[in-house]
Amino acid sequence: GDNEKGVFMPFDVVHYYLDPAGGPGYLYYDGLVNGGSEFDRNWYRVTPTGEAAMQQFFATQGIQPDTTGQVPARVLSEHTEAVTELVWSPDGSRLASSAGWWDSKDFGVRLWSADGIPIQTLYGHSAPVQSITWSPDSAMLATGSHDGAIRLWSADGDRIDTIEAEKGQVIELSWSPDGERLVSVSIDETGLDTIQEWSIAGELLNTTTSDTGSIFLKVVWPTNDDYILAGGLGYH
């Protein structure tokens, strides 16, 4: 507010939100007015002690919090490093997530139900998981890692198979529309970029290396399965 000299002073702006599931609420920190900090524009979970104090304050003041439009509905906080991959299954029943930065120490892939309940953590990779893709029928997912492996899992998190790409770090995966094939993009220590096509039984069907100078970062299948599209750093 204004001090005695009429100068506007900075103050904290914090928004409190109830947890629709009934747990401790959430705080969204807008930061300092006329200022800023590393905490600006971040969500925080209220501690149980803090939540008890908030509820006591509401009761003492006779305040009934407005639950209209309360967000977030749920915070999924199992990862220990920055989350880089979030992929819904085509049927909307599962969410898969991973922390895929090159220096991440969180190698597990988390599976969640549609309402944010943890289902299972998929362990097996020995390096960050940079790519996740679901089969078109939502029955399987594939994960690609900097350890050079592609792993196939059931929708409930049971490991089905492991494919060794052997061409360096796997940075991208894409499932064919017919559900019978996978395409992977790998980069080795020399920077060589390789696209490989696999059957879901792990058989290598085709291998293509970049002839344009591009490092491919994204591959997608058109709906007819006849070819794939790849884009990357070389503007191709």
Protein backbone atom coordinates (compact mmCIF):
# COMPACT_ATOMS: atom_id res chain seq x y z
CA GLY A 1 0.00 0.00 0.00
CA ASP A 2 0.97 3.68 0.30
CA ASN A 3 3.37 4.71 3.03
CA GLU A 4 3.44 8.11 4.75
CA LYS A 5 5.25 9.72 1.82
CA GLY A 6 2.75 8.44 -0.70
CA VAL A 7 5.20 6.03 -2.30
CA PHE A 8 3.76 2.71 -3.55
CA MET A 9 5.64 -0.17 -1.94
CA PRO A 10 5.99 -3.71 -3.36
CA PHE A 11 4.03 -6.54 -1.77
CA ASP A 12 3.46 -10.23 -2.42
CA VAL A 13 0.51 -11.41 -4.47
CA VAL A 14 -0.42 -15.03 -3.68
CA HIS A 15 -3.55 -16.87 -4.80
CA TYR A 16 -4.91 -19.77 -2.78
CA TYR A 17 -6.87 -22.61 -4.39
CA LEU A 18 -8.69 -25.49 -2.76
CA ASP A 19 -7.83 -29.05 -3.70
CA PRO A 20 -10.97 -30.56 -5.30
CA ALA A 21 -9.84 -33.97 -4.02
CA GLY A 22 -9.95 -32.71 -0.42
CA GLY A 23 -6.21 -32.57 0.33
CA PRO A 24 -4.05 -29.53 1.12
CA GLY A 25 -4.65 -26.66 -1.28
CA TYR A 26 -2.38 -24.88 -3.72
CA LEU A 27 -0.73 -21.47 -3.89
CA TYR A 28 0.03 -19.60 -7.08
CA TYR A 29 2.65 -16.91 -6.53
CA ASP A 30 2.27 -13.88 -8.79
CA GLY A 31 5.38 -12.31 -7.31
CA LEU A 32 6.14 -8.85 -6.03
CA VAL A 33 4.29 -5.81 -7.24
CA ASN A 34 6.94 -3.61 -8.92
CA GLY A 35 9.45 -6.36 -8.31
CA GLY A 36 10.24 -9.96 -9.03
CA SER A 37 11.95 -13.10 -7.82
CA GLU A 38 12.79 -16.66 -8.82
CA PHE A 39 9.50 -17.80 -7.27
CA ASP A 40 7.27 -15.78 -9.61
CA ARG A 41 4.52 -17.56 -11.57
CA ASN A 42 4.98 -20.89 -9.83
CA TRP A 43 2.55 -23.31 -8.15
CA TYR A 44 3.19 -24.55 -4.61
CA ARG A 45 1.42 -27.17 -2.51
CA VAL A 46 0.27 -25.96 0.89
CA THR A 47 1.69 -27.93 3.82
CA PRO A 48 -0.79 -29.78 6.07
CA THR A 49 -0.04 -27.27 8.84
CA GLY A 50 -0.61 -24.36 6.49
CA GLU A 51 -3.84 -25.90 5.22
CA ALA A 52 -5.13 -26.30 8.79
CA ALA A 53 -4.35 -22.63 9.43
CA MET A 54 -6.18 -21.62 6.24
CA GLN A 55 -9.25 -23.64 7.16
CA GLN A 56 -9.24 -22.20 10.68
CA PHE A 57 -9.07 -18.70 9.22
CA PHE A 58 -12.02 -19.41 6.92
CA ALA A 59 -14.06 -20.78 9.83
CA THR A 60 -13.19 -17.87 12.14
CA GLN A 61 -14.07 -15.28 9.50
CA GLY A 62 -17.14 -17.11 8.28
CA ILE A 63 -15.71 -17.35 4.77
CA GLN A 64 -16.96 -19.97 2.33
CA PRO A 65 -14.29 -20.27 -0.42
CA ASP A 66 -15.59 -20.12 -3.98
CA THR A 67 -14.80 -23.42 -5.70
CA THR A 68 -15.88 -22.23 -9.16
CA GLY A 69 -13.04 -22.67 -11.64
CA GLN A 70 -10.56 -23.82 -9.04
CA VAL A 71 -7.28 -25.01 -10.54
CA PRO A 72 -5.26 -27.12 -10.70
CA ALA A 73 -7.49 -30.17 -10.29
CA ARG A 74 -4.49 -32.25 -9.25
CA VAL A 75 -0.72 -31.82 -9.16
CA LEU A 76 1.24 -34.91 -10.24
CA SER A 77 4.52 -34.66 -8.38
CA GLU A 78 6.27 -38.04 -8.50
CA HIS A 79 9.15 -36.94 -10.76
CA THR A 80 12.41 -35.70 -9.22
CA GLU A 81 13.64 -33.82 -12.32
CA ALA A 82 12.13 -31.50 -14.94
CA VAL A 83 9.34 -33.23 -16.89
CA THR A 84 9.90 -33.11 -20.67
CA GLU A 85 7.43 -35.71 -22.01
CA LEU A 86 3.67 -35.91 -21.37
CA VAL A 87 1.71 -38.23 -23.65
CA TRP A 88 -1.97 -39.22 -23.40
CA SER A 89 -3.00 -42.66 -24.61
CA PRO A 90 -5.32 -42.39 -27.63
CA ASP A 91 -8.28 -43.63 -25.59
CA GLY A 92 -7.64 -41.00 -22.91
CA SER A 93 -7.35 -43.53 -20.07
CA ARG A 94 -3.62 -43.18 -19.34
CA LEU A 95 -0.99 -40.46 -19.13
CA ALA A 96 2.73 -41.26 -19.44
CA SER A 97 5.47 -38.85 -18.35
CA SER A 98 9.26 -38.73 -18.21
CA ALA A 99 12.15 -36.44 -17.32
CA GLY A 100 14.23 -36.50 -20.47
CA TRP A 101 16.81 -33.73 -20.19
CA TRP A 102 20.29 -34.96 -21.10
CA ASP A 103 21.57 -34.56 -17.52
CA SER A 104 18.47 -35.92 -15.76
CA LYS A 105 18.95 -38.56 -13.07
CA ASP A 106 15.25 -39.51 -13.11
CA PHE A 107 15.13 -42.50 -15.49
CA GLY A 108 11.67 -43.79 -14.57
CA VAL A 109 8.59 -43.38 -16.76
CA ARG A 110 5.47 -42.62 -14.74
CA LEU A 111 2.04 -43.95 -15.67
CA TRP A 112 -1.05 -42.13 -14.38
CA SER A 113 -4.76 -42.73 -14.62
CA ALA A 114 -6.90 -40.06 -16.28
CA ASP A 115 -7.75 -38.59 -12.87
CA GLY A 116 -4.08 -38.27 -11.89
CA ILE A 117 -3.68 -41.38 -9.72
CA PRO A 118 -0.22 -43.02 -10.06
CA ILE A 119 -0.48 -46.46 -11.67
CA GLN A 120 3.14 -47.56 -11.87
CA THR A 121 6.69 -46.34 -12.45
CA LEU A 122 8.40 -48.08 -15.36
CA TYR A 123 12.01 -48.88 -14.50
CA GLY A 124 14.56 -50.40 -16.86
CA HIS A 125 16.23 -47.54 -18.71
CA SER A 126 19.68 -46.51 -17.49
CA ALA A 127 19.59 -42.97 -18.90
CA PRO A 128 17.01 -40.18 -19.46
CA VAL A 129 13.88 -41.13 -21.41
CA GLN A 130 13.40 -38.53 -24.12
CA SER A 131 10.55 -40.07 -26.10
CA ILE A 132 7.27 -41.85 -25.34
CA THR A 133 4.68 -43.02 -27.86
CA TRP A 134 1.44 -45.01 -27.48
CA SER A 135 0.16 -47.65 -29.85
CA PRO A 136 -2.99 -46.59 -31.73
CA ASP A 137 -5.13 -49.03 -29.73
CA SER A 138 -3.71 -47.73 -26.39
CA ALA A 139 -2.66 -51.28 -25.43
CA MET A 140 1.10 -50.59 -25.45
CA LEU A 141 3.59 -47.79 -25.15
CA ALA A 142 7.17 -47.51 -26.32
CA THR A 143 9.90 -45.52 -24.58
CA GLY A 144 13.19 -44.35 -26.09
CA SER A 145 16.21 -43.43 -24.00
CA HIS A 146 19.70 -41.98 -24.16
CA ASP A 147 20.87 -45.48 -23.20
CA GLY A 148 20.19 -46.57 -26.81
CA ALA A 149 17.27 -48.82 -25.93
CA ILE A 150 13.62 -48.85 -26.97
CA ARG A 151 11.38 -50.57 -24.46
CA LEU A 152 7.85 -51.81 -25.03
CA TRP A 153 5.36 -51.85 -22.17
CA SER A 154 1.75 -52.81 -21.63
CA ALA A 155 -0.74 -50.07 -20.77
CA ASP A 156 -0.49 -51.18 -17.13
CA GLY A 157 3.29 -50.89 -17.10
CA ASP A 158 4.45 -54.49 -17.60
CA ARG A 159 7.59 -54.74 -19.73
CA ILE A 160 6.99 -56.61 -22.98
CA ASP A 161 10.26 -56.34 -24.92
CA THR A 162 13.50 -54.38 -25.36
CA ILE A 163 14.91 -53.28 -28.71
CA GLU A 164 18.57 -52.21 -28.83
CA ALA A 165 18.78 -49.42 -31.40
CA GLU A 166 22.62 -49.55 -31.35
CA LYS A 167 22.83 -46.21 -33.14
CA GLY A 168 23.29 -43.94 -30.14
CA GLN A 169 20.81 -42.04 -28.01
CA VAL A 170 17.15 -42.56 -28.95
CA ILE A 171 15.58 -39.10 -29.08
CA GLU A 172 12.30 -39.71 -30.92
CA LEU A 173 9.77 -42.50 -31.45
CA SER A 174 6.62 -42.70 -33.56
CA TRP A 175 4.12 -45.56 -33.83
CA SER A 176 2.63 -46.43 -37.22
CA PRO A 177 -1.16 -45.96 -37.64
CA ASP A 178 -1.63 -49.72 -38.16
CA GLY A 179 0.12 -50.43 -34.85
CA GLU A 180 2.59 -52.87 -36.41
CA ARG A 181 5.73 -50.73 -36.67
CA LEU A 182 7.81 -48.17 -34.83
CA VAL A 183 10.19 -45.55 -36.15
CA SER A 184 13.09 -44.34 -34.00
CA VAL A 185 15.54 -41.47 -34.37
CA SER A 186 19.00 -41.93 -32.84
CA ILE A 187 22.10 -39.73 -32.62
CA ASP A 188 25.55 -41.22 -31.99
CA GLU A 189 28.63 -39.58 -30.44
CA THR A 190 29.78 -38.23 -33.84
CA GLY A 191 26.45 -36.50 -34.46
CA LEU A 192 25.33 -39.02 -37.08
CA ASP A 193 21.56 -39.06 -37.24
CA THR A 194 19.81 -42.37 -37.99
CA ILE A 195 16.17 -43.22 -38.59
CA GLN A 196 15.23 -46.88 -38.09
CA GLU A 197 11.98 -48.72 -38.70
CA TRP A 198 11.12 -51.68 -36.49
CA SER A 199 8.43 -54.31 -36.25
CA ILE A 200 6.88 -54.52 -32.80
CA ALA A 201 8.58 -57.93 -32.54
CA GLY A 202 11.91 -56.07 -32.58
CA GLU A 203 12.93 -56.86 -36.18
CA LEU A 204 14.85 -54.06 -37.93
CA LEU A 205 13.05 -53.33 -41.21
CA ASN A 206 14.81 -50.23 -42.57
CA THR A 207 17.67 -47.88 -41.70
CA THR A 208 18.16 -44.38 -43.11
CA THR A 209 20.89 -41.86 -42.27
CA SER A 210 20.52 -38.14 -42.80
CA ASP A 211 21.78 -36.97 -46.21
CA THR A 212 20.76 -33.33 -45.76
CA GLY A 213 22.89 -32.27 -42.81
CA SER A 214 19.81 -32.22 -40.62
CA ILE A 215 19.60 -33.63 -37.14
CA PHE A 216 16.07 -35.01 -37.12
CA LEU A 217 14.12 -34.25 -33.99
CA LYS A 218 10.60 -35.27 -35.01
CA VAL A 219 9.10 -38.06 -37.10
CA VAL A 220 5.41 -38.60 -37.83
CA TRP A 221 3.41 -41.13 -39.84
CA PRO A 222 0.75 -40.01 -42.29
CA THR A 223 -2.49 -41.95 -42.04
CA ASN A 224 -1.71 -44.30 -44.95
CA ASP A 225 1.45 -45.95 -43.45
CA ASP A 226 3.35 -45.64 -46.74
CA TYR A 227 6.00 -43.14 -45.64
CA ILE A 228 7.07 -40.96 -42.72
CA LEU A 229 7.80 -37.27 -42.38
CA ALA A 230 10.91 -36.07 -40.53
CA GLY A 231 11.93 -32.57 -39.48
CA GLY A 232 14.94 -31.25 -37.65
CA LEU A 233 17.64 -28.69 -37.11
CA GLY A 234 18.66 -28.39 -40.74
CA TYR A 235 15.35 -26.72 -41.70
CA HIS A 236 14.40 -29.78 -43.80
